[in-house]
Amino acid sequence: MSALPKTVDETARLLAEQGYIADRELATTVHLSLAMHRPLFLEGEPGTGKTEIAKVLAEGLGRRLVRLQCYDGMDLSAAAYEWDHARQLMAIRLAEAAGHTDRTELSNDIYTRAFLQARPLLSAIDPDLPPAVLLIDELDRADEPFEAFLLELLADFQITVPELGTIRAKTKPVVVLTSNRTREVHDAIRRRCLYHWVSYPDAARERAILAAKAPGVPEHLAGQVVAFVQRLRGEELFKLPGVAETIDWAQALTYLNKSELTSGDVDETLGVLLKYQDDIAKVRGAEAARLLVEARL
């Protein structure tokens, strides 16, 4: 496990070494989160690189990545822990067959760590496991009541199991929460975190990201791709292309041996860049040609 970076510049360098090009504001917020041992709450449009921050921190710090992918209806048993009831029942029957009939003693014997199945939240703070980076991804997809389960963890890096007691982290995990803002996350979560809105990168930073993630793309083509995408994000579309789509599109054009972006190339490969037919139909043809001309200015 690597030591935490001591300065904002070191934090930016750690991210860059893993291929993540952060602006100064984001690098500062990440650094403060690491230095203050506070959870980091990232909001922004899909495809802006929120999830990737947790991944590169895990890689750069030499920690295991523990990911909780949130979804509608998720509960404590899926997110934190649950008791292995089948093994508990078997242990009771074996004890009774051996002549042990004291109910209190049997209850104490089956509510131990040996019968507790750890899910991501508990795994991230397990004192018997190596330090972790905990990614709570797309929190806005979970039900609002689920957020209450997180408050103890985010504040004190511990989880209380009623039948067993409190389990605390020996080394505090790095915690990253993400949200695409499909709904508002409760203030109680926000107060426990440092916050940053992750926006689409400007042209210069997107060029740097593309160079880091797809070094095989010719420089001239990369410039045209980024310029086109930057202008495309100014259009009224159902789903604007994220950085991941920019990288995929540039690589796809490279696989097709393109070195100069043309309106025909745009029309033929829009399915890599845009993910909804209404958006594709709106951009294809004259609109794509217009955006391409503007991108070359």
C-alpha atoms as a PDB file:
ATOM      1  CA  MET A   1       0.000   0.000   0.000  1.00  0.00           C
ATOM      2  CA  SER A   2       1.361   3.390  -1.040  1.00  0.00           C
ATOM      3  CA  ALA A   3       1.416   6.437   1.250  1.00  0.00           C
ATOM      4  CA  LEU A   4      -1.210   9.108   0.689  1.00  0.00           C
ATOM      5  CA  PRO A   5      -0.023  12.075  -1.409  1.00  0.00           C
ATOM      6  CA  LYS A   6       1.093  15.054   0.690  1.00  0.00           C
ATOM      7  CA  THR A   7       0.187  17.891  -1.689  1.00  0.00           C
ATOM      8  CA  VAL A   8      -2.321  18.759  -4.389  1.00  0.00           C
ATOM      9  CA  ASP A   9       0.422  18.446  -7.012  1.00  0.00           C
ATOM     10  CA  GLU A  10       1.273  14.948  -5.779  1.00  0.00           C
ATOM     11  CA  THR A  11      -2.415  14.014  -5.936  1.00  0.00           C
ATOM     12  CA  ALA A  12      -2.727  15.316  -9.497  1.00  0.00           C
ATOM     13  CA  ARG A  13       0.421  13.397 -10.422  1.00  0.00           C
ATOM     14  CA  LEU A  14      -0.910  10.194  -8.838  1.00  0.00           C
ATOM     15  CA  LEU A  15      -4.103  10.497 -10.909  1.00  0.00           C
ATOM     16  CA  ALA A  16      -2.163  11.339 -14.087  1.00  0.00           C
ATOM     17  CA  GLU A  17       0.137   8.333 -13.650  1.00  0.00           C
ATOM     18  CA  GLN A  18      -2.966   6.148 -13.858  1.00  0.00           C
ATOM     19  CA  GLY A  19      -4.217   7.978 -16.945  1.00  0.00           C
ATOM     20  CA  TYR A  20      -6.688  10.326 -15.239  1.00  0.00           C
ATOM     21  CA  ILE A  21      -6.184  13.974 -16.220  1.00  0.00           C
ATOM     22  CA  ALA A  22      -7.824  16.084 -13.509  1.00  0.00           C
ATOM     23  CA  ASP A  23      -8.246  19.838 -13.408  1.00  0.00           C
ATOM     24  CA  ARG A  24      -6.854  21.760 -10.434  1.00  0.00           C
ATOM     25  CA  GLU A  25     -10.184  22.032  -8.614  1.00  0.00           C
ATOM     26  CA  LEU A  26     -10.862  18.296  -8.783  1.00  0.00           C
ATOM     27  CA  ALA A  27      -7.299  17.409  -7.767  1.00  0.00           C
ATOM     28  CA  THR A  28      -7.637  19.742  -4.769  1.00  0.00           C
ATOM     29  CA  THR A  29     -10.914  18.162  -3.644  1.00  0.00           C
ATOM     30  CA  VAL A  30      -9.496  14.652  -4.016  1.00  0.00           C
ATOM     31  CA  HIS A  31      -6.400  15.647  -2.053  1.00  0.00           C
ATOM     32  CA  LEU A  32      -8.467  17.119   0.779  1.00  0.00           C
ATOM     33  CA  SER A  33     -10.633  14.002   0.887  1.00  0.00           C
ATOM     34  CA  LEU A  34      -7.536  11.827   1.294  1.00  0.00           C
ATOM     35  CA  ALA A  35      -5.815  14.128   3.782  1.00  0.00           C
ATOM     36  CA  MET A  36      -8.895  14.709   5.958  1.00  0.00           C
ATOM     37  CA  HIS A  37     -10.176  11.116   5.692  1.00  0.00           C
ATOM     38  CA  ARG A  38     -13.527  12.365   4.474  1.00  0.00           C
ATOM     39  CA  PRO A  39     -15.763  10.626   1.914  1.00  0.00           C
ATOM     40  CA  LEU A  40     -15.744  12.189  -1.548  1.00  0.00           C
ATOM     41  CA  PHE A  41     -19.138  12.815  -3.164  1.00  0.00           C
ATOM     42  CA  LEU A  42     -18.987  13.304  -6.942  1.00  0.00           C
ATOM     43  CA  GLU A  43     -21.959  14.442  -8.983  1.00  0.00           C
ATOM     44  CA  GLY A  44     -22.137  15.049 -12.705  1.00  0.00           C
ATOM     45  CA  GLU A  45     -23.469  13.879 -16.036  1.00  0.00           C
ATOM     46  CA  PRO A  46     -22.911  10.229 -17.001  1.00  0.00           C
ATOM     47  CA  GLY A  47     -19.606   9.683 -18.772  1.00  0.00           C
ATOM     48  CA  THR A  48     -17.640  12.478 -17.104  1.00  0.00           C
ATOM     49  CA  GLY A  49     -15.250  10.139 -15.262  1.00  0.00           C
ATOM     50  CA  LYS A  50     -16.671   9.983 -11.733  1.00  0.00           C
ATOM     51  CA  THR A  51     -16.383   6.220 -11.312  1.00  0.00           C
ATOM     52  CA  GLU A  52     -12.919   6.215 -12.860  1.00  0.00           C
ATOM     53  CA  ILE A  53     -11.565   8.350 -10.010  1.00  0.00           C
ATOM     54  CA  ALA A  54     -12.169   5.549  -7.499  1.00  0.00           C
ATOM     55  CA  LYS A  55     -10.544   3.027  -9.811  1.00  0.00           C
ATOM     56  CA  VAL A  56      -7.383   5.059 -10.338  1.00  0.00           C
ATOM     57  CA  LEU A  57      -7.122   5.858  -6.624  1.00  0.00           C
ATOM     58  CA  ALA A  58      -7.253   2.146  -5.823  1.00  0.00           C
ATOM     59  CA  GLU A  59      -4.582   1.446  -8.425  1.00  0.00           C
ATOM     60  CA  GLY A  60      -2.381   4.385  -7.494  1.00  0.00           C
ATOM     61  CA  LEU A  61      -2.588   3.796  -3.737  1.00  0.00           C
ATOM     62  CA  GLY A  62      -2.172   0.029  -4.014  1.00  0.00           C
ATOM     63  CA  ARG A  63      -5.502  -0.678  -2.296  1.00  0.00           C
ATOM     64  CA  ARG A  64      -8.207  -3.165  -3.145  1.00  0.00           C
ATOM     65  CA  LEU A  65     -11.259  -1.689  -4.868  1.00  0.00           C
ATOM     66  CA  VAL A  66     -14.586  -2.552  -3.228  1.00  0.00           C
ATOM     67  CA  ARG A  67     -17.519  -1.509  -5.408  1.00  0.00           C
ATOM     68  CA  LEU A  68     -21.161  -1.228  -4.414  1.00  0.00           C
ATOM     69  CA  GLN A  69     -23.285  -0.692  -7.521  1.00  0.00           C
ATOM     70  CA  CYS A  70     -26.526   0.855  -6.339  1.00  0.00           C
ATOM     71  CA  TYR A  71     -29.930  -0.080  -7.742  1.00  0.00           C
ATOM     72  CA  ASP A  72     -33.600   0.383  -6.986  1.00  0.00           C
ATOM     73  CA  GLY A  73     -34.706  -1.798  -4.065  1.00  0.00           C
ATOM     74  CA  MET A  74     -31.222  -2.475  -2.688  1.00  0.00           C
ATOM     75  CA  ASP A  75     -31.274  -3.310   1.026  1.00  0.00           C
ATOM     76  CA  LEU A  76     -28.877  -3.894   3.905  1.00  0.00           C
ATOM     77  CA  SER A  77     -28.389  -7.585   3.144  1.00  0.00           C
ATOM     78  CA  ALA A  78     -27.113  -6.774  -0.353  1.00  0.00           C
ATOM     79  CA  ALA A  79     -25.046  -3.743   0.636  1.00  0.00           C
ATOM     80  CA  ALA A  80     -23.549  -4.420   4.088  1.00  0.00           C
ATOM     81  CA  TYR A  81     -23.999  -7.913   5.527  1.00  0.00           C
ATOM     82  CA  GLU A  82     -26.358 -10.798   6.143  1.00  0.00           C
ATOM     83  CA  TRP A  83     -26.386 -13.816   8.394  1.00  0.00           C
ATOM     84  CA  ASP A  84     -25.824 -17.246   6.848  1.00  0.00           C
ATOM     85  CA  HIS A  85     -29.089 -18.684   8.110  1.00  0.00           C
ATOM     86  CA  ALA A  86     -28.586 -22.101   6.531  1.00  0.00           C
ATOM     87  CA  ARG A  87     -25.263 -22.616   8.328  1.00  0.00           C
ATOM     88  CA  GLN A  88     -26.694 -21.240  11.571  1.00  0.00           C
ATOM     89  CA  LEU A  89     -29.583 -23.711  11.436  1.00  0.00           C
ATOM     90  CA  MET A  90     -27.194 -26.573  10.734  1.00  0.00           C
ATOM     91  CA  ALA A  91     -25.017 -25.525  13.684  1.00  0.00           C
ATOM     92  CA  ILE A  92     -28.057 -25.504  15.975  1.00  0.00           C
ATOM     93  CA  ARG A  93     -29.122 -28.978  14.881  1.00  0.00           C
ATOM     94  CA  LEU A  94     -25.610 -30.346  15.341  1.00  0.00           C
ATOM     95  CA  ALA A  95     -25.404 -28.803  18.811  1.00  0.00           C
ATOM     96  CA  GLU A  96     -28.783 -30.218  19.803  1.00  0.00           C
ATOM     97  CA  ALA A  97     -27.800 -33.654  18.495  1.00  0.00           C
ATOM     98  CA  ALA A  98     -24.709 -33.444  20.708  1.00  0.00           C
ATOM     99  CA  GLY A  99     -26.881 -32.750  23.746  1.00  0.00           C
ATOM    100  CA  HIS A 100     -26.499 -28.948  23.983  1.00  0.00           C
ATOM    101  CA  THR A 101     -29.973 -27.559  24.655  1.00  0.00           C
ATOM    102  CA  ASP A 102     -29.282 -24.204  26.323  1.00  0.00           C
ATOM    103  CA  ARG A 103     -30.994 -21.735  23.978  1.00  0.00           C
ATOM    104  CA  THR A 104     -29.029 -18.715  25.197  1.00  0.00           C
ATOM    105  CA  GLU A 105     -25.732 -20.499  24.706  1.00  0.00           C
ATOM    106  CA  LEU A 106     -26.762 -21.703  21.244  1.00  0.00           C
ATOM    107  CA  SER A 107     -27.781 -18.177  20.275  1.00  0.00           C
ATOM    108  CA  ASN A 108     -24.412 -16.798  21.375  1.00  0.00           C
ATOM    109  CA  ASP A 109     -22.601 -19.494  19.426  1.00  0.00           C
ATOM    110  CA  ILE A 110     -24.301 -18.812  16.095  1.00  0.00           C
ATOM    111  CA  TYR A 111     -24.105 -14.997  16.129  1.00  0.00           C
ATOM    112  CA  THR A 112     -20.367 -14.773  15.514  1.00  0.00           C
ATOM    113  CA  ARG A 113     -18.203 -13.525  12.632  1.00  0.00           C
ATOM    114  CA  ALA A 114     -17.968 -17.097  11.355  1.00  0.00           C
ATOM    115  CA  PHE A 115     -21.639 -16.918  10.302  1.00  0.00           C
ATOM    116  CA  LEU A 116     -21.615 -13.309   9.055  1.00  0.00           C
ATOM    117  CA  GLN A 117     -21.451 -12.850   5.296  1.00  0.00           C
ATOM    118  CA  ALA A 118     -19.794  -9.551   4.399  1.00  0.00           C
ATOM    119  CA  ARG A 119     -21.138  -7.485   1.518  1.00  0.00           C
ATOM    120  CA  PRO A 120     -19.274  -4.464   0.041  1.00  0.00           C
ATOM    121  CA  LEU A 121     -19.834  -1.959   2.867  1.00  0.00           C
ATOM    122  CA  LEU A 122     -18.683  -4.337   5.592  1.00  0.00           C
ATOM    123  CA  SER A 123     -15.871  -5.723   3.461  1.00  0.00           C
ATOM    124  CA  ALA A 124     -14.455  -2.203   2.979  1.00  0.00           C
ATOM    125  CA  ILE A 125     -14.019  -1.672   6.740  1.00  0.00           C
ATOM    126  CA  ASP A 126     -13.166  -5.254   7.736  1.00  0.00           C
ATOM    127  CA  PRO A 127     -10.158  -4.904  10.091  1.00  0.00           C
ATOM    128  CA  ASP A 128      -8.918  -8.340   9.027  1.00  0.00           C
ATOM    129  CA  LEU A 129      -8.654  -7.354   5.346  1.00  0.00           C
ATOM    130  CA  PRO A 130      -6.185  -5.008   3.572  1.00  0.00           C
ATOM    131  CA  PRO A 131      -7.160  -1.314   3.284  1.00  0.00           C
ATOM    132  CA  ALA A 132      -9.668  -0.496   0.583  1.00  0.00           C
ATOM    133  CA  VAL A 133     -11.084   2.144  -1.709  1.00  0.00           C
ATOM    134  CA  LEU A 134     -14.864   1.908  -1.359  1.00  0.00           C
ATOM    135  CA  LEU A 135     -16.840   3.001  -4.423  1.00  0.00           C
ATOM    136  CA  ILE A 136     -20.553   3.568  -3.808  1.00  0.00           C
ATOM    137  CA  ASP A 137     -21.565   4.004  -7.418  1.00  0.00           C
ATOM    138  CA  GLU A 138     -24.710   5.801  -8.652  1.00  0.00           C
ATOM    139  CA  LEU A 139     -26.205   6.380  -5.205  1.00  0.00           C
ATOM    140  CA  ASP A 140     -29.103   8.220  -6.830  1.00  0.00           C
ATOM    141  CA  ARG A 141     -30.336   4.886  -8.230  1.00  0.00           C
ATOM    142  CA  ALA A 142     -30.935   3.502  -4.741  1.00  0.00           C
ATOM    143  CA  ASP A 143     -34.072   4.210  -2.727  1.00  0.00           C
ATOM    144  CA  GLU A 144     -33.919   7.204  -0.394  1.00  0.00           C
ATOM    145  CA  PRO A 145     -34.324   5.081   2.797  1.00  0.00           C
ATOM    146  CA  PHE A 146     -31.130   3.211   1.881  1.00  0.00           C
ATOM    147  CA  GLU A 147     -29.124   6.382   2.502  1.00  0.00           C
ATOM    148  CA  ALA A 148     -29.817   6.030   6.235  1.00  0.00           C
ATOM    149  CA  PHE A 149     -27.753   2.835   6.250  1.00  0.00           C
ATOM    150  CA  LEU A 150     -24.733   4.807   5.077  1.00  0.00           C
ATOM    151  CA  LEU A 151     -24.668   7.520   7.729  1.00  0.00           C
ATOM    152  CA  GLU A 152     -22.781   5.568  10.396  1.00  0.00           C
ATOM    153  CA  LEU A 153     -20.258   4.307   7.871  1.00  0.00           C
ATOM    154  CA  LEU A 154     -19.598   7.724   6.339  1.00  0.00           C
ATOM    155  CA  ALA A 155     -19.269   9.463   9.699  1.00  0.00           C
ATOM    156  CA  ASP A 156     -17.293   6.920  11.738  1.00  0.00           C
ATOM    157  CA  PHE A 157     -16.123   4.224   9.273  1.00  0.00           C
ATOM    158  CA  GLN A 158     -17.954   1.575  11.276  1.00  0.00           C
ATOM    159  CA  ILE A 159     -21.037  -0.627  11.031  1.00  0.00           C
ATOM    160  CA  THR A 160     -23.085  -1.794  13.991  1.00  0.00           C
ATOM    161  CA  VAL A 161     -24.477  -5.326  13.738  1.00  0.00           C
ATOM    162  CA  PRO A 162     -27.188  -5.586  16.425  1.00  0.00           C
ATOM    163  CA  GLU A 163     -26.523  -9.258  17.234  1.00  0.00           C
ATOM    164  CA  LEU A 164     -22.749  -8.924  17.224  1.00  0.00           C
ATOM    165  CA  GLY A 165     -21.611  -5.382  18.006  1.00  0.00           C
ATOM    166  CA  THR A 166     -19.720  -2.645  16.196  1.00  0.00           C
ATOM    167  CA  ILE A 167     -17.150  -3.439  13.516  1.00  0.00           C
ATOM    168  CA  ARG A 168     -14.618  -0.643  12.920  1.00  0.00           C
ATOM    169  CA  ALA A 169     -12.025  -0.121  10.232  1.00  0.00           C
ATOM    170  CA  LYS A 170      -8.423  -0.482  11.339  1.00  0.00           C
ATOM    171  CA  THR A 171      -7.333   1.701   8.419  1.00  0.00           C
ATOM    172  CA  LYS A 172      -9.996   4.112   7.223  1.00  0.00           C
ATOM    173  CA  PRO A 173     -11.018   3.344   3.640  1.00  0.00           C
ATOM    174  CA  VAL A 174     -11.001   5.931   0.908  1.00  0.00           C
ATOM    175  CA  VAL A 175     -14.703   6.389   0.133  1.00  0.00           C
ATOM    176  CA  VAL A 176     -16.008   7.715  -3.199  1.00  0.00           C
ATOM    177  CA  LEU A 177     -19.731   8.184  -3.806  1.00  0.00           C
ATOM    178  CA  THR A 178     -21.076   9.040  -7.259  1.00  0.00           C
ATOM    179  CA  SER A 179     -24.415  10.334  -8.484  1.00  0.00           C
ATOM    180  CA  ASN A 180     -25.790  11.146 -11.926  1.00  0.00           C
ATOM    181  CA  ARG A 181     -28.361  13.367 -10.178  1.00  0.00           C
ATOM    182  CA  THR A 182     -31.445  11.502 -11.377  1.00  0.00           C
ATOM    183  CA  ARG A 183     -32.752  12.474  -7.927  1.00  0.00           C
ATOM    184  CA  GLU A 184     -31.443  14.624  -5.093  1.00  0.00           C
ATOM    185  CA  VAL A 185     -29.301  12.889  -2.463  1.00  0.00           C
ATOM    186  CA  HIS A 186     -30.227  13.752   1.140  1.00  0.00           C
ATOM    187  CA  ASP A 187     -28.434  16.552   2.980  1.00  0.00           C
ATOM    188  CA  ALA A 188     -27.324  14.129   5.716  1.00  0.00           C
ATOM    189  CA  ILE A 189     -25.152  12.324   3.160  1.00  0.00           C
ATOM    190  CA  ARG A 190     -23.802  15.557   1.704  1.00  0.00           C
ATOM    191  CA  ARG A 191     -22.789  16.947   5.101  1.00  0.00           C
ATOM    192  CA  ARG A 192     -20.558  13.950   5.741  1.00  0.00           C
ATOM    193  CA  CYS A 193     -18.696  14.316   2.450  1.00  0.00           C
ATOM    194  CA  LEU A 194     -16.518  16.683   0.479  1.00  0.00           C
ATOM    195  CA  TYR A 195     -18.342  17.590  -2.722  1.00  0.00           C
ATOM    196  CA  HIS A 196     -17.315  18.165  -6.323  1.00  0.00           C
ATOM    197  CA  TRP A 197     -19.331  18.542  -9.513  1.00  0.00           C
ATOM    198  CA  VAL A 198     -17.535  16.710 -12.332  1.00  0.00           C
ATOM    199  CA  SER A 199     -18.291  18.525 -15.572  1.00  0.00           C
ATOM    200  CA  TYR A 200     -17.361  17.719 -19.138  1.00  0.00           C
ATOM    201  CA  PRO A 201     -13.709  18.643 -19.769  1.00  0.00           C
ATOM    202  CA  ASP A 202     -12.703  21.565 -21.922  1.00  0.00           C
ATOM    203  CA  ALA A 203     -11.032  20.878 -25.260  1.00  0.00           C
ATOM    204  CA  ALA A 204      -7.460  21.001 -23.968  1.00  0.00           C
ATOM    205  CA  ARG A 205      -8.115  18.570 -21.125  1.00  0.00           C
ATOM    206  CA  GLU A 206     -10.131  16.241 -23.334  1.00  0.00           C
ATOM    207  CA  ARG A 207      -7.242  16.157 -25.813  1.00  0.00           C
ATOM    208  CA  ALA A 208      -4.902  15.237 -22.939  1.00  0.00           C
ATOM    209  CA  ILE A 209      -7.309  12.521 -21.741  1.00  0.00           C
ATOM    210  CA  LEU A 210      -7.577  11.105 -25.245  1.00  0.00           C
ATOM    211  CA  ALA A 211      -3.801  11.071 -25.623  1.00  0.00           C
ATOM    212  CA  ALA A 212      -3.453   9.211 -22.310  1.00  0.00           C
ATOM    213  CA  LYS A 213      -6.240   6.694 -22.907  1.00  0.00           C
ATOM    214  CA  ALA A 214      -5.849   6.136 -26.646  1.00  0.00           C
ATOM    215  CA  PRO A 215      -2.262   6.928 -27.613  1.00  0.00           C
ATOM    216  CA  GLY A 216      -2.681   5.113 -30.937  1.00  0.00           C
ATOM    217  CA  VAL A 217      -5.039   7.757 -32.323  1.00  0.00           C
ATOM    218  CA  PRO A 218      -3.224  10.131 -34.729  1.00  0.00           C
ATOM    219  CA  GLU A 219      -2.798  13.594 -33.257  1.00  0.00           C
ATOM    220  CA  HIS A 220      -4.540  15.379 -36.127  1.00  0.00           C
ATOM    221  CA  LEU A 221      -7.561  13.048 -35.979  1.00  0.00           C
ATOM    222  CA  ALA A 222      -7.702  13.353 -32.186  1.00  0.00           C
ATOM    223  CA  GLY A 223      -7.894  17.132 -32.485  1.00  0.00           C
ATOM    224  CA  GLN A 224     -10.760  16.919 -34.979  1.00  0.00           C
ATOM    225  CA  VAL A 225     -12.645  14.374 -32.878  1.00  0.00           C
ATOM    226  CA  VAL A 226     -12.398  16.476 -29.730  1.00  0.00           C
ATOM    227  CA  ALA A 227     -13.388  19.677 -31.548  1.00  0.00           C
ATOM    228  CA  PHE A 228     -16.453  17.953 -33.046  1.00  0.00           C
ATOM    229  CA  VAL A 229     -17.543  16.452 -29.705  1.00  0.00           C
ATOM    230  CA  GLN A 230     -17.090  19.774 -27.929  1.00  0.00           C
ATOM    231  CA  ARG A 231     -19.510  21.410 -30.357  1.00  0.00           C
ATOM    232  CA  LEU A 232     -21.883  18.446 -30.285  1.00  0.00           C
ATOM    233  CA  ARG A 233     -22.286  18.913 -26.517  1.00  0.00           C
ATOM    234  CA  GLY A 234     -23.779  22.326 -27.242  1.00  0.00           C
ATOM    235  CA  GLU A 235     -26.720  20.712 -29.060  1.00  0.00           C
ATOM    236  CA  GLU A 236     -30.082  19.783 -27.513  1.00  0.00           C
ATOM    237  CA  LEU A 237     -29.721  16.010 -27.316  1.00  0.00           C
ATOM    238  CA  PHE A 238     -31.330  13.395 -25.095  1.00  0.00           C
ATOM    239  CA  LYS A 239     -27.909  12.085 -24.013  1.00  0.00           C
ATOM    240  CA  LEU A 240     -24.754  14.064 -24.621  1.00  0.00           C
ATOM    241  CA  PRO A 241     -21.608  12.032 -25.349  1.00  0.00           C
ATOM    242  CA  GLY A 242     -19.256  11.574 -22.398  1.00  0.00           C
ATOM    243  CA  VAL A 243     -15.492  11.288 -22.376  1.00  0.00           C
ATOM    244  CA  ALA A 244     -15.768   7.503 -22.689  1.00  0.00           C
ATOM    245  CA  GLU A 245     -17.688   7.942 -25.947  1.00  0.00           C
ATOM    246  CA  THR A 246     -15.047  10.361 -27.242  1.00  0.00           C
ATOM    247  CA  ILE A 247     -12.348   7.764 -26.602  1.00  0.00           C
ATOM    248  CA  ASP A 248     -14.403   4.969 -28.187  1.00  0.00           C
ATOM    249  CA  TRP A 249     -15.169   7.079 -31.261  1.00  0.00           C
ATOM    250  CA  ALA A 250     -11.562   8.116 -31.811  1.00  0.00           C
ATOM    251  CA  GLN A 251     -10.442   4.488 -31.500  1.00  0.00           C
ATOM    252  CA  ALA A 252     -13.189   3.313 -33.862  1.00  0.00           C
ATOM    253  CA  LEU A 253     -12.128   5.838 -36.507  1.00  0.00           C
ATOM    254  CA  THR A 254      -8.526   4.690 -36.075  1.00  0.00           C
ATOM    255  CA  TYR A 255      -9.561   1.058 -36.567  1.00  0.00           C
ATOM    256  CA  LEU A 256     -11.178   2.180 -39.837  1.00  0.00           C
ATOM    257  CA  ASN A 257      -7.833   3.718 -40.862  1.00  0.00           C
ATOM    258  CA  LYS A 258      -9.220   7.247 -40.901  1.00  0.00           C
ATOM    259  CA  SER A 259      -6.770  10.100 -40.603  1.00  0.00           C
ATOM    260  CA  GLU A 260      -9.101  12.980 -41.542  1.00  0.00           C
ATOM    261  CA  LEU A 261     -12.647  13.333 -40.212  1.00  0.00           C
ATOM    262  CA  THR A 262     -15.288  13.766 -42.929  1.00  0.00           C
ATOM    263  CA  SER A 263     -19.066  14.171 -42.731  1.00  0.00           C
ATOM    264  CA  GLY A 264     -19.412  10.679 -44.231  1.00  0.00           C
ATOM    265  CA  ASP A 265     -17.251   9.238 -41.465  1.00  0.00           C
ATOM    266  CA  VAL A 266     -19.417  10.995 -38.875  1.00  0.00           C
ATOM    267  CA  ASP A 267     -22.664   9.640 -40.354  1.00  0.00           C
ATOM    268  CA  GLU A 268     -21.311   6.086 -40.569  1.00  0.00           C
ATOM    269  CA  THR A 269     -20.006   5.939 -36.995  1.00  0.00           C
ATOM    270  CA  LEU A 270     -22.512   7.993 -34.986  1.00  0.00           C
ATOM    271  CA  GLY A 271     -23.644   4.828 -33.208  1.00  0.00           C
ATOM    272  CA  VAL A 272     -20.319   4.786 -31.385  1.00  0.00           C
ATOM    273  CA  LEU A 273     -20.728   8.366 -30.179  1.00  0.00           C
ATOM    274  CA  LEU A 274     -24.486   8.621 -29.558  1.00  0.00           C
ATOM    275  CA  LYS A 275     -26.652   5.969 -27.922  1.00  0.00           C
ATOM    276  CA  TYR A 276     -30.215   7.012 -28.857  1.00  0.00           C
ATOM    277  CA  GLN A 277     -31.745   6.813 -32.316  1.00  0.00           C
ATOM    278  CA  ASP A 278     -33.506  10.173 -31.977  1.00  0.00           C
ATOM    279  CA  ASP A 279     -30.143  11.839 -31.288  1.00  0.00           C
ATOM    280  CA  ILE A 280     -28.494  10.040 -34.213  1.00  0.00           C
ATOM    281  CA  ALA A 281     -31.304  11.028 -36.580  1.00  0.00           C
ATOM    282  CA  LYS A 282     -31.062  14.655 -35.430  1.00  0.00           C
ATOM    283  CA  VAL A 283     -27.306  14.890 -35.975  1.00  0.00           C
ATOM    284  CA  ARG A 284     -26.813  12.784 -39.089  1.00  0.00           C
ATOM    285  CA  GLY A 285     -26.541  14.561 -42.420  1.00  0.00           C
ATOM    286  CA  ALA A 286     -26.625  18.353 -42.692  1.00  0.00           C
ATOM    287  CA  GLU A 287     -26.273  18.912 -38.933  1.00  0.00           C
ATOM    288  CA  ALA A 288     -23.166  16.731 -38.772  1.00  0.00           C
ATOM    289  CA  ALA A 289     -21.684  18.572 -41.747  1.00  0.00           C
ATOM    290  CA  ARG A 290     -22.356  21.941 -40.096  1.00  0.00           C
ATOM    291  CA  LEU A 291     -20.775  20.875 -36.800  1.00  0.00           C
ATOM    292  CA  LEU A 292     -17.755  19.524 -38.656  1.00  0.00           C
ATOM    293  CA  VAL A 293     -17.243  22.845 -40.456  1.00  0.00           C
ATOM    294  CA  GLU A 294     -17.488  24.720 -37.152  1.00  0.00           C
ATOM    295  CA  ALA A 295     -15.044  22.286 -35.551  1.00  0.00           C
ATOM    296  CA  ARG A 296     -12.450  23.089 -38.206  1.00  0.00           C
ATOM    297  CA  LEU A 297     -12.657  26.850 -37.705  1.00  0.00           C
END
